[in-house]
Amino acid sequence: MLKWILLISTAVILVVVWAYLRMRGGTVYIVNDHGFVAHSFSKPVVHQTDREGVSKVTERLLKGDIYDMVWVSGVNDEFTGFMLTLESGNPVADVMFKTLSEGKEILAFKESLHHFGYKLDESADGFNGALDEAHRVTSLDYTLPKDAAKVTEFILAAIEKLQGPNHKTFYLNAMLMANGPVGKSSGVVIAPASDPLSEVLGSK
């Protein structure tokens, strides 16, 4: 009897949480020893800005107080661009390519960004969309200095190589991973919807 009461109580709680997130937005993280699975009930708030705005976002990223992860792209498409994550104080740019079909693009990108001289960690252990070779991805992780001007310079060079030159408009969103799965070994984490870039770029 007690088992059924616990199951029913858990189901009721899950329904209430689901309904709340549907109304207010947010993300649910299911965390285990191998990582986490996330489901968002709201679309990321994407800000449109210019190069000066990118510099402002970069400067605040280095503080890591209101966000520690930024997505940036030269086009308004969430499947383009790349991520910047603050790791041990240094921003790390994570640029992903399709391993099987974008070999030439990987080499060209590495050659184009080689002159910066930043530490590069290359991995082809990840997948995107499915766990087969067609969906294997290669990640190029560049560890950048704690210097906003140099990070901004790298961002602009990377976007130019990925999406073409002469970009005057950029698209960004950000989040604070400490409000998500970071520091949690297992279980469920509920992170409310937020728009930390509004403090830097203004409300949309």
C-alpha atoms as a PDB file:
ATOM      1  CA  MET A   1       0.000   0.000   0.000  1.00  0.00           C
ATOM      2  CA  LEU A   2       2.795   2.379   0.941  1.00  0.00           C
ATOM      3  CA  LYS A   3       4.494   1.639  -2.389  1.00  0.00           C
ATOM      4  CA  TRP A   4       1.400   2.701  -4.320  1.00  0.00           C
ATOM      5  CA  ILE A   5       1.030   5.865  -2.258  1.00  0.00           C
ATOM      6  CA  LEU A   6       4.644   6.811  -3.034  1.00  0.00           C
ATOM      7  CA  LEU A   7       4.171   6.092  -6.743  1.00  0.00           C
ATOM      8  CA  ILE A   8       0.985   8.147  -6.914  1.00  0.00           C
ATOM      9  CA  SER A   9       2.584  11.000  -4.941  1.00  0.00           C
ATOM     10  CA  THR A  10       5.583  10.999  -7.270  1.00  0.00           C
ATOM     11  CA  ALA A  11       3.336  11.032 -10.326  1.00  0.00           C
ATOM     12  CA  VAL A  12       1.334  13.959  -8.937  1.00  0.00           C
ATOM     13  CA  ILE A  13       4.528  15.912  -8.223  1.00  0.00           C
ATOM     14  CA  LEU A  14       5.825  15.260 -11.744  1.00  0.00           C
ATOM     15  CA  VAL A  15       2.531  16.439 -13.270  1.00  0.00           C
ATOM     16  CA  VAL A  16       2.611  19.617 -11.172  1.00  0.00           C
ATOM     17  CA  VAL A  17       6.238  20.309 -12.125  1.00  0.00           C
ATOM     18  CA  TRP A  18       5.467  19.632 -15.811  1.00  0.00           C
ATOM     19  CA  ALA A  19       2.479  22.003 -15.725  1.00  0.00           C
ATOM     20  CA  TYR A  20       4.518  24.701 -13.968  1.00  0.00           C
ATOM     21  CA  LEU A  21       7.334  24.485 -16.495  1.00  0.00           C
ATOM     22  CA  ARG A  22       4.874  24.549 -19.387  1.00  0.00           C
ATOM     23  CA  MET A  23       3.507  27.833 -18.042  1.00  0.00           C
ATOM     24  CA  ARG A  24       6.664  29.506 -16.759  1.00  0.00           C
ATOM     25  CA  GLY A  25       9.394  27.877 -18.850  1.00  0.00           C
ATOM     26  CA  GLY A  26      12.608  26.300 -17.688  1.00  0.00           C
ATOM     27  CA  THR A  27      14.786  23.233 -18.155  1.00  0.00           C
ATOM     28  CA  VAL A  28      14.782  19.817 -16.486  1.00  0.00           C
ATOM     29  CA  TYR A  29      18.144  18.044 -16.160  1.00  0.00           C
ATOM     30  CA  ILE A  30      18.315  14.317 -15.409  1.00  0.00           C
ATOM     31  CA  VAL A  31      21.845  13.754 -14.139  1.00  0.00           C
ATOM     32  CA  ASN A  32      23.802  10.509 -13.760  1.00  0.00           C
ATOM     33  CA  ASP A  33      27.431   9.412 -13.546  1.00  0.00           C
ATOM     34  CA  HIS A  34      27.845   9.618 -17.340  1.00  0.00           C
ATOM     35  CA  GLY A  35      26.517  13.128 -17.835  1.00  0.00           C
ATOM     36  CA  PHE A  36      23.005  14.521 -18.162  1.00  0.00           C
ATOM     37  CA  VAL A  37      19.932  14.680 -20.371  1.00  0.00           C
ATOM     38  CA  ALA A  38      18.146  18.013 -20.661  1.00  0.00           C
ATOM     39  CA  HIS A  39      14.652  18.950 -21.783  1.00  0.00           C
ATOM     40  CA  SER A  40      13.749  22.601 -22.124  1.00  0.00           C
ATOM     41  CA  PHE A  41      10.193  23.921 -21.846  1.00  0.00           C
ATOM     42  CA  SER A  42      11.124  27.302 -23.276  1.00  0.00           C
ATOM     43  CA  LYS A  43      13.134  28.554 -26.216  1.00  0.00           C
ATOM     44  CA  PRO A  44      16.475  30.223 -25.450  1.00  0.00           C
ATOM     45  CA  VAL A  45      16.298  34.002 -25.576  1.00  0.00           C
ATOM     46  CA  VAL A  46      18.504  34.982 -28.513  1.00  0.00           C
ATOM     47  CA  HIS A  47      19.943  38.491 -28.565  1.00  0.00           C
ATOM     48  CA  GLN A  48      20.987  40.283 -31.737  1.00  0.00           C
ATOM     49  CA  THR A  49      23.975  42.578 -31.392  1.00  0.00           C
ATOM     50  CA  ASP A  50      27.025  44.056 -33.101  1.00  0.00           C
ATOM     51  CA  ARG A  51      30.756  43.630 -32.490  1.00  0.00           C
ATOM     52  CA  GLU A  52      30.670  46.008 -29.544  1.00  0.00           C
ATOM     53  CA  GLY A  53      27.933  43.888 -27.994  1.00  0.00           C
ATOM     54  CA  VAL A  54      30.013  40.742 -28.500  1.00  0.00           C
ATOM     55  CA  SER A  55      32.850  42.456 -26.606  1.00  0.00           C
ATOM     56  CA  LYS A  56      30.520  43.328 -23.724  1.00  0.00           C
ATOM     57  CA  VAL A  57      29.237  39.754 -23.535  1.00  0.00           C
ATOM     58  CA  THR A  58      32.785  38.419 -23.521  1.00  0.00           C
ATOM     59  CA  GLU A  59      33.878  40.768 -20.732  1.00  0.00           C
ATOM     60  CA  ARG A  60      31.015  39.629 -18.507  1.00  0.00           C
ATOM     61  CA  LEU A  61      31.591  35.956 -19.362  1.00  0.00           C
ATOM     62  CA  LEU A  62      35.058  36.152 -17.783  1.00  0.00           C
ATOM     63  CA  LYS A  63      33.450  37.084 -14.448  1.00  0.00           C
ATOM     64  CA  GLY A  64      31.249  33.965 -14.556  1.00  0.00           C
ATOM     65  CA  ASP A  65      28.718  35.507 -12.169  1.00  0.00           C
ATOM     66  CA  ILE A  66      25.506  35.644 -14.205  1.00  0.00           C
ATOM     67  CA  TYR A  67      26.452  33.206 -17.010  1.00  0.00           C
ATOM     68  CA  ASP A  68      29.308  30.843 -17.755  1.00  0.00           C
ATOM     69  CA  MET A  69      28.239  29.518 -21.157  1.00  0.00           C
ATOM     70  CA  VAL A  70      27.534  31.493 -24.332  1.00  0.00           C
ATOM     71  CA  TRP A  71      26.335  30.400 -27.764  1.00  0.00           C
ATOM     72  CA  VAL A  72      27.366  32.737 -30.584  1.00  0.00           C
ATOM     73  CA  SER A  73      26.647  32.688 -34.312  1.00  0.00           C
ATOM     74  CA  GLY A  74      26.640  35.004 -37.271  1.00  0.00           C
ATOM     75  CA  VAL A  75      23.190  33.736 -38.333  1.00  0.00           C
ATOM     76  CA  ASN A  76      20.014  33.266 -36.328  1.00  0.00           C
ATOM     77  CA  ASP A  77      20.058  29.466 -36.360  1.00  0.00           C
ATOM     78  CA  GLU A  78      20.644  27.468 -33.170  1.00  0.00           C
ATOM     79  CA  PHE A  79      22.319  24.656 -35.138  1.00  0.00           C
ATOM     80  CA  THR A  80      25.158  26.921 -36.284  1.00  0.00           C
ATOM     81  CA  GLY A  81      27.916  28.793 -34.503  1.00  0.00           C
ATOM     82  CA  PHE A  82      29.705  27.460 -31.431  1.00  0.00           C
ATOM     83  CA  MET A  83      29.793  27.484 -27.634  1.00  0.00           C
ATOM     84  CA  LEU A  84      32.055  29.326 -25.217  1.00  0.00           C
ATOM     85  CA  THR A  85      32.248  27.835 -21.733  1.00  0.00           C
ATOM     86  CA  LEU A  86      34.109  29.125 -18.708  1.00  0.00           C
ATOM     87  CA  GLU A  87      36.243  26.258 -17.395  1.00  0.00           C
ATOM     88  CA  SER A  88      38.616  26.755 -14.444  1.00  0.00           C
ATOM     89  CA  GLY A  89      38.633  30.472 -15.145  1.00  0.00           C
ATOM     90  CA  ASN A  90      39.519  30.209 -18.833  1.00  0.00           C
ATOM     91  CA  PRO A  91      36.966  30.423 -21.640  1.00  0.00           C
ATOM     92  CA  VAL A  92      36.972  27.361 -23.903  1.00  0.00           C
ATOM     93  CA  ALA A  93      35.575  27.589 -27.436  1.00  0.00           C
ATOM     94  CA  ASP A  94      33.951  24.323 -28.547  1.00  0.00           C
ATOM     95  CA  VAL A  95      33.506  24.111 -32.321  1.00  0.00           C
ATOM     96  CA  MET A  96      31.875  20.950 -33.677  1.00  0.00           C
ATOM     97  CA  PHE A  97      31.969  19.351 -37.124  1.00  0.00           C
ATOM     98  CA  LYS A  98      30.516  16.176 -38.645  1.00  0.00           C
ATOM     99  CA  THR A  99      33.432  13.751 -38.530  1.00  0.00           C
ATOM    100  CA  LEU A 100      32.708  11.782 -41.724  1.00  0.00           C
ATOM    101  CA  SER A 101      31.491  14.511 -44.045  1.00  0.00           C
ATOM    102  CA  GLU A 102      33.404  17.608 -42.924  1.00  0.00           C
ATOM    103  CA  GLY A 103      37.006  16.428 -42.853  1.00  0.00           C
ATOM    104  CA  LYS A 104      38.175  19.198 -45.200  1.00  0.00           C
ATOM    105  CA  GLU A 105      36.327  21.821 -43.163  1.00  0.00           C
ATOM    106  CA  ILE A 106      38.005  20.577 -39.962  1.00  0.00           C
ATOM    107  CA  LEU A 107      41.471  20.910 -41.492  1.00  0.00           C
ATOM    108  CA  ALA A 108      40.695  24.318 -42.989  1.00  0.00           C
ATOM    109  CA  PHE A 109      39.355  25.638 -39.697  1.00  0.00           C
ATOM    110  CA  LYS A 110      42.391  24.401 -37.755  1.00  0.00           C
ATOM    111  CA  GLU A 111      44.769  25.953 -40.266  1.00  0.00           C
ATOM    112  CA  SER A 112      42.870  29.245 -40.247  1.00  0.00           C
ATOM    113  CA  LEU A 113      42.929  29.556 -36.439  1.00  0.00           C
ATOM    114  CA  HIS A 114      46.420  28.113 -35.978  1.00  0.00           C
ATOM    115  CA  HIS A 115      48.110  31.514 -35.847  1.00  0.00           C
ATOM    116  CA  PHE A 116      46.457  32.307 -32.507  1.00  0.00           C
ATOM    117  CA  GLY A 117      48.614  29.631 -30.913  1.00  0.00           C
ATOM    118  CA  TYR A 118      46.000  28.592 -28.346  1.00  0.00           C
ATOM    119  CA  LYS A 119      45.868  25.104 -26.855  1.00  0.00           C
ATOM    120  CA  LEU A 120      43.691  22.796 -28.968  1.00  0.00           C
ATOM    121  CA  ASP A 121      42.085  19.574 -27.768  1.00  0.00           C
ATOM    122  CA  GLU A 122      40.556  17.536 -30.580  1.00  0.00           C
ATOM    123  CA  SER A 123      38.093  14.725 -29.919  1.00  0.00           C
ATOM    124  CA  ALA A 124      35.838  12.558 -32.094  1.00  0.00           C
ATOM    125  CA  ASP A 125      34.133  10.729 -29.231  1.00  0.00           C
ATOM    126  CA  GLY A 126      30.796  12.541 -29.399  1.00  0.00           C
ATOM    127  CA  PHE A 127      27.563  12.000 -31.320  1.00  0.00           C
ATOM    128  CA  ASN A 128      24.781  14.351 -32.316  1.00  0.00           C
ATOM    129  CA  GLY A 129      21.311  13.003 -33.075  1.00  0.00           C
ATOM    130  CA  ALA A 130      22.048   9.272 -32.935  1.00  0.00           C
ATOM    131  CA  LEU A 131      24.734   6.826 -31.807  1.00  0.00           C
ATOM    132  CA  ASP A 132      26.043   5.738 -35.205  1.00  0.00           C
ATOM    133  CA  GLU A 133      29.041   6.736 -37.287  1.00  0.00           C
ATOM    134  CA  ALA A 134      26.986   9.015 -39.526  1.00  0.00           C
ATOM    135  CA  HIS A 135      26.252  11.174 -36.477  1.00  0.00           C
ATOM    136  CA  ARG A 136      29.745  11.177 -34.988  1.00  0.00           C
ATOM    137  CA  VAL A 137      31.104  14.679 -34.358  1.00  0.00           C
ATOM    138  CA  THR A 138      34.592  16.056 -33.988  1.00  0.00           C
ATOM    139  CA  SER A 139      35.020  18.735 -31.341  1.00  0.00           C
ATOM    140  CA  LEU A 140      37.776  21.311 -31.536  1.00  0.00           C
ATOM    141  CA  ASP A 141      38.201  22.816 -28.079  1.00  0.00           C
ATOM    142  CA  TYR A 142      40.365  25.931 -27.898  1.00  0.00           C
ATOM    143  CA  THR A 143      41.454  27.093 -24.445  1.00  0.00           C
ATOM    144  CA  LEU A 144      41.509  30.894 -24.639  1.00  0.00           C
ATOM    145  CA  PRO A 145      43.248  33.430 -22.384  1.00  0.00           C
ATOM    146  CA  LYS A 146      41.491  35.430 -19.666  1.00  0.00           C
ATOM    147  CA  ASP A 147      41.549  38.465 -21.903  1.00  0.00           C
ATOM    148  CA  ALA A 148      38.264  39.816 -23.246  1.00  0.00           C
ATOM    149  CA  ALA A 149      39.854  41.517 -26.263  1.00  0.00           C
ATOM    150  CA  LYS A 150      41.662  38.344 -27.351  1.00  0.00           C
ATOM    151  CA  VAL A 151      38.571  36.191 -26.815  1.00  0.00           C
ATOM    152  CA  THR A 152      36.495  38.605 -28.911  1.00  0.00           C
ATOM    153  CA  GLU A 153      39.155  38.545 -31.638  1.00  0.00           C
ATOM    154  CA  PHE A 154      39.006  34.738 -31.670  1.00  0.00           C
ATOM    155  CA  ILE A 155      35.189  34.760 -31.844  1.00  0.00           C
ATOM    156  CA  LEU A 156      35.176  37.083 -34.858  1.00  0.00           C
ATOM    157  CA  ALA A 157      37.841  35.028 -36.658  1.00  0.00           C
ATOM    158  CA  ALA A 158      36.007  31.761 -35.956  1.00  0.00           C
ATOM    159  CA  ILE A 159      32.668  33.124 -37.173  1.00  0.00           C
ATOM    160  CA  GLU A 160      34.327  34.449 -40.325  1.00  0.00           C
ATOM    161  CA  LYS A 161      35.818  31.037 -41.087  1.00  0.00           C
ATOM    162  CA  LEU A 162      32.607  29.168 -40.298  1.00  0.00           C
ATOM    163  CA  GLN A 163      30.066  31.506 -41.866  1.00  0.00           C
ATOM    164  CA  GLY A 164      31.871  33.915 -44.150  1.00  0.00           C
ATOM    165  CA  PRO A 165      33.383  37.399 -43.788  1.00  0.00           C
ATOM    166  CA  ASN A 166      31.942  40.852 -43.077  1.00  0.00           C
ATOM    167  CA  HIS A 167      29.472  39.922 -40.368  1.00  0.00           C
ATOM    168  CA  LYS A 168      28.080  43.019 -38.672  1.00  0.00           C
ATOM    169  CA  THR A 169      25.317  41.268 -36.750  1.00  0.00           C
ATOM    170  CA  PHE A 170      25.718  38.432 -34.261  1.00  0.00           C
ATOM    171  CA  TYR A 171      23.282  36.247 -32.334  1.00  0.00           C
ATOM    172  CA  LEU A 172      23.911  35.087 -28.773  1.00  0.00           C
ATOM    173  CA  ASN A 173      22.284  33.429 -25.808  1.00  0.00           C
ATOM    174  CA  ALA A 174      23.736  32.475 -22.451  1.00  0.00           C
ATOM    175  CA  MET A 175      23.112  30.438 -19.335  1.00  0.00           C
ATOM    176  CA  LEU A 176      24.638  29.788 -15.927  1.00  0.00           C
ATOM    177  CA  MET A 177      25.517  26.100 -15.747  1.00  0.00           C
ATOM    178  CA  ALA A 178      25.679  26.318 -11.953  1.00  0.00           C
ATOM    179  CA  ASN A 179      21.867  26.563 -12.082  1.00  0.00           C
ATOM    180  CA  GLY A 180      21.759  23.325 -14.083  1.00  0.00           C
ATOM    181  CA  PRO A 181      23.606  20.013 -13.793  1.00  0.00           C
ATOM    182  CA  VAL A 182      26.979  21.315 -12.584  1.00  0.00           C
ATOM    183  CA  GLY A 183      27.935  19.945  -9.177  1.00  0.00           C
ATOM    184  CA  LYS A 184      25.123  17.381  -9.153  1.00  0.00           C
ATOM    185  CA  SER A 185      26.232  13.733  -9.274  1.00  0.00           C
ATOM    186  CA  SER A 186      22.767  12.255  -9.900  1.00  0.00           C
ATOM    187  CA  GLY A 187      19.097  13.098  -9.723  1.00  0.00           C
ATOM    188  CA  VAL A 188      16.782  15.700 -11.215  1.00  0.00           C
ATOM    189  CA  VAL A 189      17.556  19.427 -11.392  1.00  0.00           C
ATOM    190  CA  ILE A 190      14.976  22.039 -12.385  1.00  0.00           C
ATOM    191  CA  ALA A 191      16.392  25.315 -13.669  1.00  0.00           C
ATOM    192  CA  PRO A 192      13.957  28.209 -14.190  1.00  0.00           C
ATOM    193  CA  ALA A 193      13.961  30.129 -17.451  1.00  0.00           C
ATOM    194  CA  SER A 194      16.342  33.072 -17.443  1.00  0.00           C
ATOM    195  CA  ASP A 195      17.818  35.717 -19.712  1.00  0.00           C
ATOM    196  CA  PRO A 196      21.171  36.753 -18.209  1.00  0.00           C
ATOM    197  CA  LEU A 197      22.260  38.619 -21.333  1.00  0.00           C
ATOM    198  CA  SER A 198      19.537  41.199 -20.677  1.00  0.00           C
ATOM    199  CA  GLU A 199      21.809  42.629 -17.952  1.00  0.00           C
ATOM    200  CA  VAL A 200      24.546  43.161 -20.528  1.00  0.00           C
ATOM    201  CA  LEU A 201      22.699  43.918 -23.766  1.00  0.00           C
ATOM    202  CA  GLY A 202      19.338  45.103 -22.410  1.00  0.00           C
ATOM    203  CA  SER A 203      15.955  43.408 -22.531  1.00  0.00           C
ATOM    204  CA  LYS A 204      14.600  42.194 -25.829  1.00  0.00           C
END
